[in-house]
Amino acid sequence: MSSDIKIQASRNEQSLNDKQSTLDLLKNKRKRTKTVTVDVNDTKVDLTFQAISYRELDALQSKHPPTTEQRAQGAVFNRNTFPPALVSACSVDPKMTEADARDIWESDEWSTGELNALFDVVSNLCMQGLDIPFTETGSA
């Protein structure tokens, strides 16, 4: 075997190993987490959330279908029951039950904006894509 062939075989093997290593990293990716700090009665409270898988998200959303009126307005989930369910499903620290999250949603002390901000955190956590820089490659 000539030295050029040996070098090319070595390069091919390294390329295969690099591809396998990349695939292993992708397969073992950890779920995205996020900690937010909210001000509750002049006390800073940290809330940690973790994304749920797309299968879990789809299953949860199917458990909270929109009402007929909400569907007519274009909603794909029940705006009254799905947000607290998602907050509960994503909560890590403190872990909130669905009843805990629903109590927050039904409280007169929480404004629409505050509830939407909390829902946005978990929704974005679950829906955010990978950080992939898009560059154009190709030849003219």
C-alpha atoms as a PDB file:
ATOM      1  CA  MET A   1       0.000   0.000   0.000  1.00  0.00           C
ATOM      2  CA  SER A   2       1.476   3.325  -1.016  1.00  0.00           C
ATOM      3  CA  SER A   3       1.886   6.093   1.526  1.00  0.00           C
ATOM      4  CA  ASP A   4      -0.742   8.237  -0.277  1.00  0.00           C
ATOM      5  CA  ILE A   5      -3.296   5.452   0.033  1.00  0.00           C
ATOM      6  CA  LYS A   6      -2.432   4.953   3.727  1.00  0.00           C
ATOM      7  CA  ILE A   7      -2.818   8.678   4.369  1.00  0.00           C
ATOM      8  CA  GLN A   8      -6.187   8.743   2.600  1.00  0.00           C
ATOM      9  CA  ALA A   9      -7.373   5.652   4.508  1.00  0.00           C
ATOM     10  CA  SER A  10      -6.333   7.305   7.766  1.00  0.00           C
ATOM     11  CA  ARG A  11      -8.205  10.483   6.824  1.00  0.00           C
ATOM     12  CA  ASN A  12     -11.313   8.477   5.926  1.00  0.00           C
ATOM     13  CA  GLU A  13     -11.184   6.654   9.261  1.00  0.00           C
ATOM     14  CA  GLN A  14     -10.756   9.938  11.158  1.00  0.00           C
ATOM     15  CA  SER A  15     -13.670  11.464   9.245  1.00  0.00           C
ATOM     16  CA  LEU A  16     -15.860   8.487  10.160  1.00  0.00           C
ATOM     17  CA  ASN A  17     -14.820   8.796  13.821  1.00  0.00           C
ATOM     18  CA  ASP A  18     -15.584  12.542  13.782  1.00  0.00           C
ATOM     19  CA  LYS A  19     -19.042  11.902  12.317  1.00  0.00           C
ATOM     20  CA  GLN A  20     -19.772   9.229  14.937  1.00  0.00           C
ATOM     21  CA  SER A  21     -18.612  11.557  17.708  1.00  0.00           C
ATOM     22  CA  THR A  22     -20.922  14.281  16.405  1.00  0.00           C
ATOM     23  CA  LEU A  23     -23.846  11.868  16.238  1.00  0.00           C
ATOM     24  CA  ASP A  24     -23.133  10.710  19.795  1.00  0.00           C
ATOM     25  CA  LEU A  25     -23.228  14.344  20.971  1.00  0.00           C
ATOM     26  CA  LEU A  26     -26.539  14.947  19.209  1.00  0.00           C
ATOM     27  CA  LYS A  27     -28.102  11.771  20.586  1.00  0.00           C
ATOM     28  CA  ASN A  28     -27.037  12.628  24.138  1.00  0.00           C
ATOM     29  CA  LYS A  29     -28.057  16.300  24.137  1.00  0.00           C
ATOM     30  CA  ARG A  30     -29.416  17.429  27.485  1.00  0.00           C
ATOM     31  CA  LYS A  31     -32.761  19.191  27.710  1.00  0.00           C
ATOM     32  CA  ARG A  32     -32.576  22.968  27.709  1.00  0.00           C
ATOM     33  CA  THR A  33     -33.096  24.617  31.107  1.00  0.00           C
ATOM     34  CA  LYS A  34     -33.684  28.195  32.147  1.00  0.00           C
ATOM     35  CA  THR A  35     -33.804  29.955  35.498  1.00  0.00           C
ATOM     36  CA  VAL A  36     -35.797  33.153  35.786  1.00  0.00           C
ATOM     37  CA  THR A  37     -36.036  35.511  38.725  1.00  0.00           C
ATOM     38  CA  VAL A  38     -39.395  37.004  39.568  1.00  0.00           C
ATOM     39  CA  ASP A  39     -40.131  39.704  42.102  1.00  0.00           C
ATOM     40  CA  VAL A  40     -42.921  38.543  44.410  1.00  0.00           C
ATOM     41  CA  ASN A  41     -43.912  40.936  47.187  1.00  0.00           C
ATOM     42  CA  ASP A  42     -40.439  42.552  47.146  1.00  0.00           C
ATOM     43  CA  THR A  43     -38.746  39.137  47.372  1.00  0.00           C
ATOM     44  CA  LYS A  44     -36.675  37.733  44.519  1.00  0.00           C
ATOM     45  CA  VAL A  45     -37.704  34.173  43.689  1.00  0.00           C
ATOM     46  CA  ASP A  46     -35.780  31.934  41.289  1.00  0.00           C
ATOM     47  CA  LEU A  47     -37.786  29.537  39.162  1.00  0.00           C
ATOM     48  CA  THR A  48     -36.018  26.846  37.142  1.00  0.00           C
ATOM     49  CA  PHE A  49     -37.703  25.266  34.147  1.00  0.00           C
ATOM     50  CA  GLN A  50     -36.683  22.493  31.770  1.00  0.00           C
ATOM     51  CA  ALA A  51     -37.954  21.923  28.249  1.00  0.00           C
ATOM     52  CA  ILE A  52     -40.109  18.892  27.615  1.00  0.00           C
ATOM     53  CA  SER A  53     -39.755  16.745  24.502  1.00  0.00           C
ATOM     54  CA  TYR A  54     -41.843  17.393  21.428  1.00  0.00           C
ATOM     55  CA  ARG A  55     -43.787  14.183  22.121  1.00  0.00           C
ATOM     56  CA  GLU A  56     -44.561  15.328  25.671  1.00  0.00           C
ATOM     57  CA  LEU A  57     -45.541  18.769  24.378  1.00  0.00           C
ATOM     58  CA  ASP A  58     -47.875  17.314  21.737  1.00  0.00           C
ATOM     59  CA  ALA A  59     -49.467  14.955  24.283  1.00  0.00           C
ATOM     60  CA  LEU A  60     -49.950  17.778  26.771  1.00  0.00           C
ATOM     61  CA  GLN A  61     -51.423  20.067  24.131  1.00  0.00           C
ATOM     62  CA  SER A  62     -53.868  17.341  23.024  1.00  0.00           C
ATOM     63  CA  LYS A  63     -55.103  17.084  26.628  1.00  0.00           C
ATOM     64  CA  HIS A  64     -56.036  20.784  26.482  1.00  0.00           C
ATOM     65  CA  PRO A  65     -57.930  21.341  23.220  1.00  0.00           C
ATOM     66  CA  PRO A  66     -59.398  24.778  22.579  1.00  0.00           C
ATOM     67  CA  THR A  67     -63.035  25.449  23.258  1.00  0.00           C
ATOM     68  CA  THR A  68     -65.275  25.893  20.240  1.00  0.00           C
ATOM     69  CA  GLU A  69     -65.061  29.662  20.684  1.00  0.00           C
ATOM     70  CA  GLN A  70     -61.258  29.585  21.052  1.00  0.00           C
ATOM     71  CA  ARG A  71     -60.923  27.345  17.978  1.00  0.00           C
ATOM     72  CA  ALA A  72     -63.057  29.806  15.982  1.00  0.00           C
ATOM     73  CA  GLN A  73     -60.535  32.486  16.985  1.00  0.00           C
ATOM     74  CA  GLY A  74     -57.665  30.328  15.713  1.00  0.00           C
ATOM     75  CA  ALA A  75     -56.404  28.878  18.999  1.00  0.00           C
ATOM     76  CA  VAL A  76     -54.728  25.467  18.908  1.00  0.00           C
ATOM     77  CA  PHE A  77     -54.964  24.867  22.658  1.00  0.00           C
ATOM     78  CA  ASN A  78     -57.181  25.905  25.537  1.00  0.00           C
ATOM     79  CA  ARG A  79     -55.773  29.249  26.657  1.00  0.00           C
ATOM     80  CA  ASN A  80     -57.170  28.759  30.155  1.00  0.00           C
ATOM     81  CA  THR A  81     -55.869  25.264  30.917  1.00  0.00           C
ATOM     82  CA  PHE A  82     -52.804  24.643  28.747  1.00  0.00           C
ATOM     83  CA  PRO A  83     -50.500  27.426  30.031  1.00  0.00           C
ATOM     84  CA  PRO A  84     -50.574  26.297  33.688  1.00  0.00           C
ATOM     85  CA  ALA A  85     -50.232  22.671  32.573  1.00  0.00           C
ATOM     86  CA  LEU A  86     -47.095  23.555  30.582  1.00  0.00           C
ATOM     87  CA  VAL A  87     -45.650  25.579  33.460  1.00  0.00           C
ATOM     88  CA  SER A  88     -46.189  22.569  35.713  1.00  0.00           C
ATOM     89  CA  ALA A  89     -44.689  20.111  33.218  1.00  0.00           C
ATOM     90  CA  CYS A  90     -41.573  22.273  32.783  1.00  0.00           C
ATOM     91  CA  SER A  91     -41.070  23.286  36.404  1.00  0.00           C
ATOM     92  CA  VAL A  92     -37.979  21.876  38.091  1.00  0.00           C
ATOM     93  CA  ASP A  93     -37.236  24.056  41.093  1.00  0.00           C
ATOM     94  CA  PRO A  94     -39.579  24.476  42.741  1.00  0.00           C
ATOM     95  CA  LYS A  95     -41.511  21.578  41.212  1.00  0.00           C
ATOM     96  CA  MET A  96     -45.100  22.734  40.707  1.00  0.00           C
ATOM     97  CA  THR A  97     -48.034  20.410  40.375  1.00  0.00           C
ATOM     98  CA  GLU A  98     -50.619  21.279  37.784  1.00  0.00           C
ATOM     99  CA  ALA A  99     -52.901  22.322  40.663  1.00  0.00           C
ATOM    100  CA  ASP A 100     -50.161  24.669  41.963  1.00  0.00           C
ATOM    101  CA  ALA A 101     -49.792  26.314  38.563  1.00  0.00           C
ATOM    102  CA  ARG A 102     -53.556  26.496  38.109  1.00  0.00           C
ATOM    103  CA  ASP A 103     -53.839  28.243  41.498  1.00  0.00           C
ATOM    104  CA  ILE A 104     -51.424  30.897  40.227  1.00  0.00           C
ATOM    105  CA  TRP A 105     -53.406  31.241  36.978  1.00  0.00           C
ATOM    106  CA  GLU A 106     -56.677  31.622  38.835  1.00  0.00           C
ATOM    107  CA  SER A 107     -55.308  34.094  41.380  1.00  0.00           C
ATOM    108  CA  ASP A 108     -56.561  37.653  41.212  1.00  0.00           C
ATOM    109  CA  GLU A 109     -53.092  38.817  42.278  1.00  0.00           C
ATOM    110  CA  TRP A 110     -51.420  37.845  38.983  1.00  0.00           C
ATOM    111  CA  SER A 111     -51.926  40.134  35.994  1.00  0.00           C
ATOM    112  CA  THR A 112     -52.415  38.935  32.450  1.00  0.00           C
ATOM    113  CA  GLY A 113     -48.967  40.279  31.558  1.00  0.00           C
ATOM    114  CA  GLU A 114     -47.291  38.415  34.418  1.00  0.00           C
ATOM    115  CA  LEU A 115     -49.011  35.152  33.517  1.00  0.00           C
ATOM    116  CA  ASN A 116     -48.168  35.615  29.846  1.00  0.00           C
ATOM    117  CA  ALA A 117     -44.524  36.271  30.742  1.00  0.00           C
ATOM    118  CA  LEU A 118     -44.378  33.037  32.738  1.00  0.00           C
ATOM    119  CA  PHE A 119     -46.035  31.085  29.927  1.00  0.00           C
ATOM    120  CA  ASP A 120     -43.705  32.702  27.368  1.00  0.00           C
ATOM    121  CA  VAL A 121     -40.665  31.463  29.319  1.00  0.00           C
ATOM    122  CA  VAL A 122     -41.747  27.816  29.234  1.00  0.00           C
ATOM    123  CA  SER A 123     -43.222  27.998  25.759  1.00  0.00           C
ATOM    124  CA  ASN A 124     -40.045  29.523  24.323  1.00  0.00           C
ATOM    125  CA  LEU A 125     -37.948  27.004  26.237  1.00  0.00           C
ATOM    126  CA  CYS A 126     -39.830  24.146  24.577  1.00  0.00           C
ATOM    127  CA  MET A 127     -40.089  25.730  21.139  1.00  0.00           C
ATOM    128  CA  GLN A 128     -36.669  27.353  20.800  1.00  0.00           C
ATOM    129  CA  GLY A 129     -34.560  25.746  18.128  1.00  0.00           C
ATOM    130  CA  LEU A 130     -30.888  24.992  18.104  1.00  0.00           C
ATOM    131  CA  ASP A 131     -28.460  27.837  17.700  1.00  0.00           C
ATOM    132  CA  ILE A 132     -27.456  27.170  14.109  1.00  0.00           C
ATOM    133  CA  PRO A 133     -25.673  29.945  12.250  1.00  0.00           C
ATOM    134  CA  PHE A 134     -26.927  30.011   8.704  1.00  0.00           C
ATOM    135  CA  THR A 135     -24.228  30.565   6.157  1.00  0.00           C
ATOM    136  CA  GLU A 136     -24.553  30.125   2.484  1.00  0.00           C
ATOM    137  CA  THR A 137     -22.272  27.541   0.999  1.00  0.00           C
ATOM    138  CA  GLY A 138     -21.975  26.433  -2.528  1.00  0.00           C
ATOM    139  CA  SER A 139     -20.278  27.305  -5.723  1.00  0.00           C
ATOM    140  CA  ALA A 140     -21.273  29.564  -8.536  1.00  0.00           C
END
